[in-house]
Amino acid sequence: MGILLTAEAGTAAGGGIVMVVYLVLIFGFLYFFMIRPQKKEQKKMAAMLSTLEVGDCVLTSSGFYGIIIDITDDTVIVEFGNNKNCRIPMQKSAIAQVEKSDAE
């Protein structure tokens, strides 16, 4: 009877090691295929927003193209269309894409 209990205890310990290996593999998979690419994208977006200048053409997250008129810490004023009276303040985070002005 003692031999059976020892064998069962050894099997349970081996199963625990396998479970730990599986958990490490799952977390490694999640890190390399989900968390790491998301952080790269956030760094890329922050770099894009930090290089904004007056006169840049931008695409907003809602799909509108406009030209930056003024920049403050966390907001920008964007002019839309040919009508010079259509100027809208919005957050920098609403900018999805930037095209640098041709003056450079």
N, C-alpha and C. Protein backbone atom coordinates (compact mmCIF):
# COMPACT_ATOMS: atom_id res chain seq x y z
N MET A 1 0.81 -1.19 0.00
CA MET A 1 0.00 0.00 0.00
C MET A 1 0.86 1.26 0.00
N GLY A 2 1.96 1.23 0.71
CA GLY A 2 2.86 2.37 0.78
C GLY A 2 3.50 2.67 -0.57
N ILE A 3 3.74 1.64 -1.37
CA ILE A 3 4.33 1.82 -2.70
C ILE A 3 3.36 2.56 -3.61
N LEU A 4 2.09 2.24 -3.53
CA LEU A 4 1.08 2.89 -4.36
C LEU A 4 0.96 4.37 -4.01
N LEU A 5 0.99 4.71 -2.74
CA LEU A 5 0.91 6.11 -2.33
C LEU A 5 2.12 6.89 -2.82
N THR A 6 3.31 6.31 -2.77
CA THR A 6 4.52 6.96 -3.23
C THR A 6 4.47 7.19 -4.74
N ALA A 7 3.97 6.23 -5.49
CA ALA A 7 3.87 6.36 -6.94
C ALA A 7 2.87 7.44 -7.32
N GLU A 8 1.76 7.51 -6.61
CA GLU A 8 0.76 8.54 -6.90
C GLU A 8 1.29 9.93 -6.57
N ALA A 9 2.05 10.07 -5.50
CA ALA A 9 2.63 11.36 -5.13
C ALA A 9 3.64 11.80 -6.17
N GLY A 10 4.43 10.88 -6.70
CA GLY A 10 5.40 11.22 -7.74
C GLY A 10 4.73 11.66 -9.02
N THR A 11 3.63 11.04 -9.37
CA THR A 11 2.88 11.40 -10.57
C THR A 11 2.27 12.79 -10.42
N ALA A 12 1.78 13.11 -9.25
CA ALA A 12 1.19 14.42 -9.02
C ALA A 12 2.25 15.52 -9.12
N ALA A 13 3.44 15.27 -8.62
CA ALA A 13 4.52 16.26 -8.70
C ALA A 13 4.95 16.45 -10.15
N GLY A 14 5.01 15.38 -10.93
CA GLY A 14 5.36 15.48 -12.35
C GLY A 14 4.30 16.24 -13.12
N GLY A 15 3.04 16.05 -12.78
CA GLY A 15 1.94 16.78 -13.43
C GLY A 15 1.99 18.26 -13.10
N GLY A 16 2.45 18.61 -11.91
CA GLY A 16 2.58 20.02 -11.53
C GLY A 16 3.66 20.73 -12.32
N ILE A 17 4.75 20.00 -12.59
CA ILE A 17 5.84 20.59 -13.39
C ILE A 17 5.37 20.83 -14.82
N VAL A 18 4.63 19.89 -15.36
CA VAL A 18 4.09 20.04 -16.72
C VAL A 18 3.15 21.24 -16.77
N MET A 19 2.34 21.41 -15.75
CA MET A 19 1.40 22.53 -15.70
C MET A 19 2.16 23.86 -15.67
N VAL A 20 3.25 23.93 -14.91
CA VAL A 20 4.06 25.14 -14.84
C VAL A 20 4.68 25.44 -16.20
N VAL A 21 5.17 24.41 -16.87
CA VAL A 21 5.76 24.60 -18.20
C VAL A 21 4.71 25.12 -19.17
N TYR A 22 3.51 24.57 -19.14
CA TYR A 22 2.42 25.05 -19.99
C TYR A 22 2.09 26.52 -19.71
N LEU A 23 2.03 26.89 -18.45
CA LEU A 23 1.73 28.27 -18.08
C LEU A 23 2.82 29.22 -18.58
N VAL A 24 4.07 28.82 -18.45
CA VAL A 24 5.18 29.65 -18.94
C VAL A 24 5.08 29.81 -20.45
N LEU A 25 4.77 28.73 -21.16
CA LEU A 25 4.62 28.81 -22.61
C LEU A 25 3.46 29.71 -23.02
N ILE A 26 2.36 29.63 -22.32
CA ILE A 26 1.19 30.46 -22.63
C ILE A 26 1.52 31.93 -22.39
N PHE A 27 2.14 32.26 -21.26
CA PHE A 27 2.48 33.65 -20.99
C PHE A 27 3.53 34.17 -21.95
N GLY A 28 4.48 33.31 -22.33
CA GLY A 28 5.48 33.71 -23.34
C GLY A 28 4.82 34.01 -24.67
N PHE A 29 3.87 33.18 -25.07
CA PHE A 29 3.13 33.39 -26.31
C PHE A 29 2.35 34.71 -26.26
N LEU A 30 1.65 34.95 -25.17
CA LEU A 30 0.89 36.19 -25.02
C LEU A 30 1.79 37.41 -25.07
N TYR A 31 2.97 37.32 -24.44
CA TYR A 31 3.86 38.47 -24.42
C TYR A 31 4.37 38.77 -25.82
N PHE A 32 4.88 37.76 -26.53
CA PHE A 32 5.51 38.01 -27.82
C PHE A 32 4.52 38.27 -28.95
N PHE A 33 3.30 37.81 -28.84
CA PHE A 33 2.35 38.00 -29.93
C PHE A 33 1.24 39.00 -29.64
N MET A 34 1.13 39.47 -28.39
CA MET A 34 0.08 40.44 -28.08
C MET A 34 0.60 41.68 -27.38
N ILE A 35 1.34 41.53 -26.31
CA ILE A 35 1.76 42.67 -25.50
C ILE A 35 2.89 43.44 -26.17
N ARG A 36 3.91 42.75 -26.64
CA ARG A 36 5.08 43.42 -27.24
C ARG A 36 4.71 44.22 -28.49
N PRO A 37 3.94 43.67 -29.44
CA PRO A 37 3.56 44.47 -30.61
C PRO A 37 2.72 45.69 -30.24
N GLN A 38 1.87 45.57 -29.23
CA GLN A 38 1.05 46.70 -28.80
C GLN A 38 1.93 47.82 -28.25
N LYS A 39 2.95 47.48 -27.47
CA LYS A 39 3.85 48.49 -26.94
C LYS A 39 4.65 49.17 -28.05
N LYS A 40 5.06 48.39 -29.07
CA LYS A 40 5.76 48.98 -30.20
C LYS A 40 4.87 49.98 -30.92
N GLU A 41 3.61 49.63 -31.10
CA GLU A 41 2.66 50.52 -31.77
C GLU A 41 2.44 51.80 -30.96
N GLN A 42 2.37 51.68 -29.64
CA GLN A 42 2.21 52.85 -28.79
C GLN A 42 3.42 53.77 -28.87
N LYS A 43 4.62 53.22 -28.91
CA LYS A 43 5.83 54.03 -29.03
C LYS A 43 5.86 54.74 -30.39
N LYS A 44 5.46 54.04 -31.43
CA LYS A 44 5.43 54.61 -32.78
C LYS A 44 4.43 55.77 -32.83
N MET A 45 3.26 55.60 -32.22
CA MET A 45 2.24 56.65 -32.20
C MET A 45 2.71 57.85 -31.39
N ALA A 46 3.36 57.62 -30.26
CA ALA A 46 3.88 58.72 -29.44
C ALA A 46 4.96 59.49 -30.19
N ALA A 47 5.81 58.79 -30.93
CA ALA A 47 6.85 59.46 -31.71
C ALA A 47 6.23 60.30 -32.82
N MET A 48 5.18 59.79 -33.46
CA MET A 48 4.50 60.53 -34.52
C MET A 48 3.86 61.80 -33.96
N LEU A 49 3.20 61.69 -32.81
CA LEU A 49 2.52 62.85 -32.23
C LEU A 49 3.52 63.88 -31.70
N SER A 50 4.70 63.45 -31.30
CA SER A 50 5.68 64.40 -30.79
C SER A 50 6.34 65.21 -31.91
N THR A 51 6.25 64.74 -33.15
CA THR A 51 6.87 65.46 -34.27
C THR A 51 5.87 66.32 -35.03
N LEU A 52 4.68 66.52 -34.48
CA LEU A 52 3.67 67.36 -35.14
C LEU A 52 4.16 68.80 -35.23
N GLU A 53 3.88 69.43 -36.36
CA GLU A 53 4.23 70.83 -36.55
C GLU A 53 3.05 71.54 -37.21
N VAL A 54 3.03 72.85 -37.06
CA VAL A 54 2.00 73.66 -37.72
C VAL A 54 2.20 73.53 -39.23
N GLY A 55 1.11 73.29 -39.94
CA GLY A 55 1.16 73.16 -41.39
C GLY A 55 1.15 71.72 -41.87
N ASP A 56 1.28 70.76 -40.96
CA ASP A 56 1.24 69.35 -41.35
C ASP A 56 -0.19 68.96 -41.72
N CYS A 57 -0.31 68.11 -42.72
CA CYS A 57 -1.61 67.56 -43.12
C CYS A 57 -1.83 66.29 -42.29
N VAL A 58 -3.00 66.18 -41.66
CA VAL A 58 -3.27 65.05 -40.78
C VAL A 58 -4.56 64.36 -41.19
N LEU A 59 -4.65 63.09 -40.87
CA LEU A 59 -5.86 62.30 -41.01
C LEU A 59 -6.33 61.99 -39.60
N THR A 60 -7.57 62.36 -39.29
CA THR A 60 -8.09 62.11 -37.95
C THR A 60 -8.64 60.70 -37.87
N SER A 61 -8.90 60.25 -36.66
CA SER A 61 -9.44 58.90 -36.47
C SER A 61 -10.85 58.78 -37.01
N SER A 62 -11.53 59.89 -37.23
CA SER A 62 -12.88 59.85 -37.80
C SER A 62 -12.86 59.90 -39.32
N GLY A 63 -11.67 60.06 -39.93
CA GLY A 63 -11.55 59.99 -41.38
C GLY A 63 -11.48 61.33 -42.09
N PHE A 64 -11.35 62.42 -41.37
CA PHE A 64 -11.26 63.75 -41.97
C PHE A 64 -9.80 64.14 -42.18
N TYR A 65 -9.52 64.75 -43.33
CA TYR A 65 -8.20 65.31 -43.59
C TYR A 65 -8.23 66.78 -43.25
N GLY A 66 -7.15 67.27 -42.64
CA GLY A 66 -7.08 68.67 -42.29
C GLY A 66 -5.64 69.11 -42.14
N ILE A 67 -5.48 70.42 -41.90
CA ILE A 67 -4.16 71.00 -41.73
C ILE A 67 -4.07 71.59 -40.33
N ILE A 68 -2.97 71.34 -39.65
CA ILE A 68 -2.80 71.82 -38.28
C ILE A 68 -2.52 73.32 -38.31
N ILE A 69 -3.30 74.07 -37.53
CA ILE A 69 -3.18 75.51 -37.43
C ILE A 69 -2.43 75.92 -36.16
N ASP A 70 -2.72 75.22 -35.05
CA ASP A 70 -2.10 75.57 -33.77
C ASP A 70 -1.94 74.29 -32.94
N ILE A 71 -0.89 74.26 -32.11
CA ILE A 71 -0.63 73.09 -31.27
C ILE A 71 -0.42 73.57 -29.84
N THR A 72 -1.10 72.89 -28.90
CA THR A 72 -0.83 73.10 -27.47
C THR A 72 -0.36 71.76 -26.90
N ASP A 73 -0.34 71.65 -25.58
CA ASP A 73 0.19 70.43 -24.94
C ASP A 73 -0.53 69.17 -25.39
N ASP A 74 -1.85 69.13 -25.25
CA ASP A 74 -2.58 67.92 -25.58
C ASP A 74 -3.68 68.13 -26.62
N THR A 75 -3.79 69.34 -27.17
CA THR A 75 -4.80 69.60 -28.20
C THR A 75 -4.15 70.25 -29.42
N VAL A 76 -4.85 70.13 -30.53
CA VAL A 76 -4.44 70.79 -31.77
C VAL A 76 -5.68 71.43 -32.38
N ILE A 77 -5.48 72.50 -33.14
CA ILE A 77 -6.57 73.10 -33.88
C ILE A 77 -6.34 72.75 -35.34
N VAL A 78 -7.34 72.08 -35.93
CA VAL A 78 -7.23 71.58 -37.28
C VAL A 78 -8.22 72.31 -38.17
N GLU A 79 -7.75 72.73 -39.34
CA GLU A 79 -8.59 73.42 -40.32
C GLU A 79 -9.00 72.40 -41.39
N PHE A 80 -10.30 72.28 -41.63
CA PHE A 80 -10.83 71.30 -42.56
C PHE A 80 -11.36 71.97 -43.82
N GLY A 81 -11.07 71.40 -44.99
CA GLY A 81 -11.62 71.87 -46.25
C GLY A 81 -11.08 73.21 -46.69
N ASN A 82 -11.72 73.77 -47.72
CA ASN A 82 -11.30 75.06 -48.28
C ASN A 82 -11.84 76.24 -47.49
N ASN A 83 -12.86 76.00 -46.68
CA ASN A 83 -13.46 77.05 -45.88
C ASN A 83 -12.53 77.37 -44.71
N LYS A 84 -11.98 78.56 -44.69
CA LYS A 84 -11.03 78.94 -43.64
C LYS A 84 -11.70 79.14 -42.29
N ASN A 85 -13.03 79.10 -42.23
CA ASN A 85 -13.74 79.27 -40.97
C ASN A 85 -14.01 77.95 -40.27
N CYS A 86 -13.65 76.85 -40.87
CA CYS A 86 -13.90 75.54 -40.28
C CYS A 86 -12.66 75.06 -39.54
N ARG A 87 -12.47 75.58 -38.34
CA ARG A 87 -11.33 75.21 -37.50
C ARG A 87 -11.87 74.55 -36.24
N ILE A 88 -11.39 73.34 -35.98
CA ILE A 88 -11.92 72.56 -34.86
C ILE A 88 -10.77 72.15 -33.93
N PRO A 89 -10.90 72.45 -32.62
CA PRO A 89 -9.90 71.94 -31.68
C PRO A 89 -10.18 70.47 -31.37
N MET A 90 -9.12 69.66 -31.31
CA MET A 90 -9.29 68.25 -30.97
C MET A 90 -8.05 67.76 -30.23
N GLN A 91 -8.18 66.61 -29.61
CA GLN A 91 -7.07 66.02 -28.88
C GLN A 91 -6.04 65.46 -29.86
N LYS A 92 -4.78 65.46 -29.44
CA LYS A 92 -3.73 64.89 -30.27
C LYS A 92 -3.95 63.41 -30.53
N SER A 93 -4.55 62.74 -29.57
CA SER A 93 -4.77 61.30 -29.71
C SER A 93 -5.77 60.96 -30.81
N ALA A 94 -6.52 61.95 -31.30
CA ALA A 94 -7.48 61.72 -32.38
C ALA A 94 -6.82 61.72 -33.75
N ILE A 95 -5.53 62.00 -33.80
CA ILE A 95 -4.81 62.01 -35.08
C ILE A 95 -4.30 60.61 -35.36
N ALA A 96 -4.64 60.09 -36.54
CA ALA A 96 -4.27 58.73 -36.90
C ALA A 96 -3.05 58.68 -37.81
N GLN A 97 -2.85 59.72 -38.62
CA GLN A 97 -1.76 59.70 -39.58
C GLN A 97 -1.31 61.13 -39.85
N VAL A 98 -0.01 61.31 -40.15
CA VAL A 98 0.54 62.64 -40.40
C VAL A 98 1.31 62.61 -41.71
N GLU A 99 1.06 63.64 -42.54
CA GLU A 99 1.87 63.86 -43.73
C GLU A 99 2.55 65.20 -43.54
N LYS A 100 3.86 65.20 -43.60
CA LYS A 100 4.62 66.44 -43.38
C LYS A 100 4.35 67.44 -44.50
N SER A 101 4.46 68.72 -44.17
CA SER A 101 4.22 69.77 -45.15
C SER A 101 5.29 69.76 -46.23
N ASP A 102 4.97 70.29 -47.40
CA ASP A 102 5.90 70.28 -48.53
C ASP A 102 7.00 71.35 -48.40
N ALA A 103 6.91 72.20 -47.41
CA ALA A 103 7.88 73.29 -47.25
C ALA A 103 9.27 72.77 -46.89
N GLU A 104 9.37 71.55 -46.40
CA GLU A 104 10.67 71.00 -45.98
C GLU A 104 11.50 70.61 -47.16
